[in-house]
Amino acid sequence: MRIRHVPKIIEREEENCYLLINRRNGQKLVLNESSFYVWKLCEDSTVEDVVRKVVEEFNLDEKEAEEQITNAIETLYQKGLIEMEE
């Protein structure tokens, strides 16, 4: 399944966090640094690619990371910040 950012997302770096705003529907999401890293990886990627890159970058257990990343991606999708295609 391919993931990509929806158009018209505003990214703002705030103090100790990042803010994503979907200009089309007004949805907002505050992200910490690691969640923002996942967001950046979601551009034209697969869930598997994102998991692999995060595991390599942060030297994490793959099974644990997969669950957390999948939850983060689901939140991004529910907030209308990413699109998924088969």
Protein backbone atom coordinates (compact mmCIF):
# COMPACT_ATOMS: atom_id res chain seq x y z
CA MET A 1 0.00 0.00 0.00
CA ARG A 2 1.44 3.36 -1.08
CA ILE A 3 1.26 6.41 1.16
CA ARG A 4 1.60 10.05 0.19
CA HIS A 5 0.90 13.47 1.65
CA VAL A 6 -2.33 15.11 0.61
CA PRO A 7 -1.94 18.47 -1.14
CA LYS A 8 -2.11 21.77 0.76
CA ILE A 9 -0.63 20.66 4.08
CA ILE A 10 1.07 23.39 6.09
CA GLU A 11 4.04 22.30 8.21
CA ARG A 12 5.09 24.56 11.07
CA GLU A 13 7.88 24.03 13.53
CA GLU A 14 6.80 25.15 16.98
CA GLU A 15 8.66 25.08 20.28
CA ASN A 16 9.42 21.39 20.98
CA CYS A 17 6.91 20.11 18.39
CA TYR A 18 5.63 20.32 14.83
CA LEU A 19 2.18 21.36 13.66
CA LEU A 20 0.52 19.99 10.52
CA ILE A 21 -2.55 21.77 9.18
CA ASN A 22 -4.72 20.50 6.34
CA ARG A 23 -5.92 23.65 4.57
CA ARG A 24 -8.70 21.71 2.82
CA ASN A 25 -10.52 20.46 5.94
CA GLY A 26 -8.96 22.45 8.79
CA GLN A 27 -7.67 19.34 10.59
CA LYS A 28 -4.63 19.99 12.78
CA LEU A 29 -2.17 17.61 14.37
CA VAL A 30 0.70 18.30 16.76
CA LEU A 31 3.65 15.93 16.34
CA ASN A 32 6.78 15.27 18.34
CA GLU A 33 10.09 14.93 16.51
CA SER A 34 9.86 11.18 15.91
CA SER A 35 6.27 11.39 14.64
CA PHE A 36 7.28 14.23 12.34
CA TYR A 37 10.08 12.02 11.01
CA VAL A 38 7.47 9.34 10.22
CA TRP A 39 5.33 12.00 8.51
CA LYS A 40 8.27 13.01 6.30
CA LEU A 41 8.87 9.37 5.32
CA CYS A 42 5.24 8.94 4.26
CA GLU A 43 5.72 10.78 0.97
CA ASP A 44 5.34 8.23 -1.85
CA SER A 45 6.34 5.28 0.30
CA THR A 46 4.87 2.09 1.73
CA VAL A 47 4.21 1.26 5.36
CA GLU A 48 6.94 -1.38 5.10
CA ASP A 49 9.43 1.18 3.76
CA VAL A 50 8.64 3.60 6.59
CA VAL A 51 9.03 0.87 9.23
CA ARG A 52 12.34 -0.28 7.74
CA LYS A 53 13.77 3.26 7.62
CA VAL A 54 12.71 4.08 11.19
CA VAL A 55 14.10 0.76 12.51
CA GLU A 56 17.42 1.43 10.76
CA GLU A 57 17.63 5.09 11.82
CA PHE A 58 16.80 4.55 15.50
CA ASN A 59 18.01 0.94 15.94
CA LEU A 60 14.59 -0.26 17.19
CA ASP A 61 12.96 -3.65 17.52
CA GLU A 62 11.09 -4.16 14.24
CA LYS A 63 7.95 -5.71 15.72
CA GLU A 64 7.52 -2.99 18.34
CA ALA A 65 8.31 -0.23 15.85
CA GLU A 66 5.86 -1.62 13.30
CA GLU A 67 2.95 -1.37 15.74
CA GLN A 68 3.80 2.20 16.78
CA ILE A 69 4.42 3.38 13.21
CA THR A 70 1.23 1.76 11.94
CA ASN A 71 -0.71 3.60 14.67
CA ALA A 72 0.98 6.89 13.74
CA ILE A 73 0.19 6.39 10.05
CA GLU A 74 -3.43 5.56 10.89
CA THR A 75 -3.71 8.82 12.86
CA LEU A 76 -2.25 10.79 9.93
CA TYR A 77 -4.78 9.12 7.63
CA GLN A 78 -7.74 9.77 9.96
CA LYS A 79 -6.76 13.45 10.20
CA GLY A 80 -6.75 13.70 6.39
CA LEU A 81 -3.01 14.39 6.17
CA ILE A 82 -2.03 11.38 4.05
CA GLU A 83 -3.66 9.26 1.36
CA MET A 84 -3.28 5.51 0.92
CA GLU A 85 -3.56 3.53 -2.30
CA GLU A 86 -3.41 -0.19 -2.97
